[in-house]
N, C-alpha and C. Protein backbone atom coordinates (compact mmCIF):
# COMPACT_ATOMS: atom_id res chain seq x y z
N MET A 1 -29.29 26.84 -26.47
CA MET A 1 -30.03 26.39 -25.32
C MET A 1 -29.09 25.63 -24.38
N GLU A 2 -29.12 25.99 -23.12
CA GLU A 2 -28.24 25.38 -22.13
C GLU A 2 -28.93 24.20 -21.46
N SER A 3 -28.21 23.10 -21.36
CA SER A 3 -28.81 21.93 -20.71
C SER A 3 -28.47 21.92 -19.23
N LYS A 4 -29.38 21.41 -18.42
CA LYS A 4 -29.16 21.32 -16.99
C LYS A 4 -28.39 20.04 -16.67
N PRO A 5 -27.54 20.08 -15.65
CA PRO A 5 -26.86 18.85 -15.25
C PRO A 5 -27.87 17.82 -14.77
N SER A 6 -27.59 16.58 -15.04
CA SER A 6 -28.53 15.55 -14.63
C SER A 6 -27.86 14.58 -13.67
N GLY A 7 -28.64 13.76 -13.04
CA GLY A 7 -28.12 12.73 -12.15
C GLY A 7 -27.52 13.32 -10.89
N LEU A 8 -26.40 12.74 -10.49
CA LEU A 8 -25.76 13.14 -9.24
C LEU A 8 -25.17 14.54 -9.27
N TRP A 9 -24.87 15.05 -10.46
CA TRP A 9 -24.25 16.37 -10.56
C TRP A 9 -25.18 17.48 -10.08
N ARG A 10 -26.45 17.21 -9.92
CA ARG A 10 -27.40 18.23 -9.43
C ARG A 10 -27.38 18.32 -7.91
N HIS A 11 -26.84 17.32 -7.24
CA HIS A 11 -26.90 17.26 -5.77
C HIS A 11 -25.65 17.88 -5.15
N ARG A 12 -25.88 18.91 -4.36
CA ARG A 12 -24.79 19.64 -3.74
C ARG A 12 -23.96 18.75 -2.82
N ASP A 13 -24.60 17.87 -2.06
CA ASP A 13 -23.86 16.98 -1.16
C ASP A 13 -22.92 16.06 -1.92
N PHE A 14 -23.35 15.57 -3.07
CA PHE A 14 -22.48 14.72 -3.88
C PHE A 14 -21.27 15.50 -4.37
N LEU A 15 -21.49 16.73 -4.79
CA LEU A 15 -20.37 17.56 -5.25
C LEU A 15 -19.37 17.81 -4.13
N TYR A 16 -19.85 18.04 -2.91
CA TYR A 16 -18.95 18.21 -1.77
C TYR A 16 -18.16 16.93 -1.51
N LEU A 17 -18.83 15.80 -1.56
CA LEU A 17 -18.15 14.53 -1.35
C LEU A 17 -17.10 14.30 -2.43
N TRP A 18 -17.46 14.52 -3.67
CA TRP A 18 -16.54 14.32 -4.79
C TRP A 18 -15.33 15.24 -4.66
N ALA A 19 -15.56 16.50 -4.35
CA ALA A 19 -14.47 17.45 -4.22
C ALA A 19 -13.56 17.09 -3.05
N SER A 20 -14.13 16.71 -1.93
CA SER A 20 -13.32 16.38 -0.76
C SER A 20 -12.50 15.11 -1.00
N GLN A 21 -13.05 14.14 -1.69
CA GLN A 21 -12.31 12.92 -2.02
C GLN A 21 -11.16 13.23 -2.96
N THR A 22 -11.38 14.14 -3.90
CA THR A 22 -10.34 14.53 -4.85
C THR A 22 -9.19 15.23 -4.13
N VAL A 23 -9.51 16.15 -3.24
CA VAL A 23 -8.48 16.86 -2.47
C VAL A 23 -7.73 15.89 -1.56
N SER A 24 -8.45 14.98 -0.94
CA SER A 24 -7.82 14.00 -0.06
C SER A 24 -6.86 13.10 -0.82
N SER A 25 -7.26 12.65 -1.98
CA SER A 25 -6.38 11.80 -2.80
C SER A 25 -5.12 12.56 -3.23
N ALA A 26 -5.30 13.80 -3.62
CA ALA A 26 -4.15 14.61 -4.01
C ALA A 26 -3.20 14.80 -2.83
N GLY A 27 -3.74 15.08 -1.66
CA GLY A 27 -2.92 15.26 -0.47
C GLY A 27 -2.17 13.99 -0.09
N SER A 28 -2.82 12.85 -0.22
CA SER A 28 -2.16 11.58 0.09
C SER A 28 -1.03 11.31 -0.88
N SER A 29 -1.23 11.64 -2.13
CA SER A 29 -0.18 11.44 -3.14
C SER A 29 1.02 12.33 -2.86
N VAL A 30 0.78 13.56 -2.49
CA VAL A 30 1.87 14.49 -2.18
C VAL A 30 2.63 14.01 -0.94
N THR A 31 1.90 13.56 0.08
CA THR A 31 2.52 13.09 1.30
C THR A 31 3.39 11.86 1.06
N THR A 32 2.96 10.99 0.17
CA THR A 32 3.72 9.78 -0.13
C THR A 32 5.12 10.12 -0.65
N ILE A 33 5.23 11.20 -1.38
CA ILE A 33 6.52 11.62 -1.93
C ILE A 33 7.23 12.59 -0.98
N ALA A 34 6.52 13.56 -0.45
CA ALA A 34 7.15 14.64 0.31
C ALA A 34 7.68 14.21 1.67
N LEU A 35 7.01 13.34 2.36
CA LEU A 35 7.45 12.96 3.70
C LEU A 35 8.79 12.23 3.69
N PRO A 36 8.96 11.18 2.88
CA PRO A 36 10.28 10.54 2.84
C PRO A 36 11.37 11.46 2.28
N LEU A 37 11.02 12.27 1.30
CA LEU A 37 12.00 13.18 0.72
C LEU A 37 12.47 14.20 1.76
N THR A 38 11.56 14.69 2.55
CA THR A 38 11.91 15.63 3.62
C THR A 38 12.80 14.97 4.65
N ALA A 39 12.48 13.73 5.00
CA ALA A 39 13.29 13.01 5.99
C ALA A 39 14.72 12.81 5.48
N VAL A 40 14.86 12.46 4.22
CA VAL A 40 16.20 12.23 3.66
C VAL A 40 16.98 13.53 3.55
N LEU A 41 16.34 14.58 3.07
CA LEU A 41 17.06 15.82 2.82
C LEU A 41 17.37 16.62 4.09
N TYR A 42 16.45 16.68 5.01
CA TYR A 42 16.61 17.58 6.15
C TYR A 42 16.94 16.87 7.47
N LEU A 43 16.56 15.62 7.59
CA LEU A 43 16.79 14.93 8.85
C LEU A 43 17.92 13.91 8.77
N ASP A 44 18.62 13.89 7.63
CA ASP A 44 19.73 12.97 7.41
C ASP A 44 19.35 11.51 7.63
N ALA A 45 18.14 11.16 7.26
CA ALA A 45 17.71 9.77 7.34
C ALA A 45 18.24 9.00 6.14
N SER A 46 18.28 7.70 6.25
CA SER A 46 18.73 6.90 5.11
C SER A 46 17.59 6.76 4.10
N ALA A 47 17.93 6.38 2.90
CA ALA A 47 16.91 6.23 1.85
C ALA A 47 15.96 5.08 2.16
N ALA A 48 16.42 4.10 2.91
CA ALA A 48 15.56 2.97 3.28
C ALA A 48 14.55 3.41 4.30
C-alpha cells in the first residue's frame, strides 16, 4: 500500500519554492568559487 505525501509536500507551490531556493543556493555557491577563479585565470587579476 502506497502512502500519500502529507503536510507541505502535497502543495505544488511549496515544491516550486523549495526547488527554486535549492537551485538558487547551488548557483550562489558556484558563483562564489567560479567568479574569482575566472578573474584570476583569464583576466590576470591578483588573488586578492
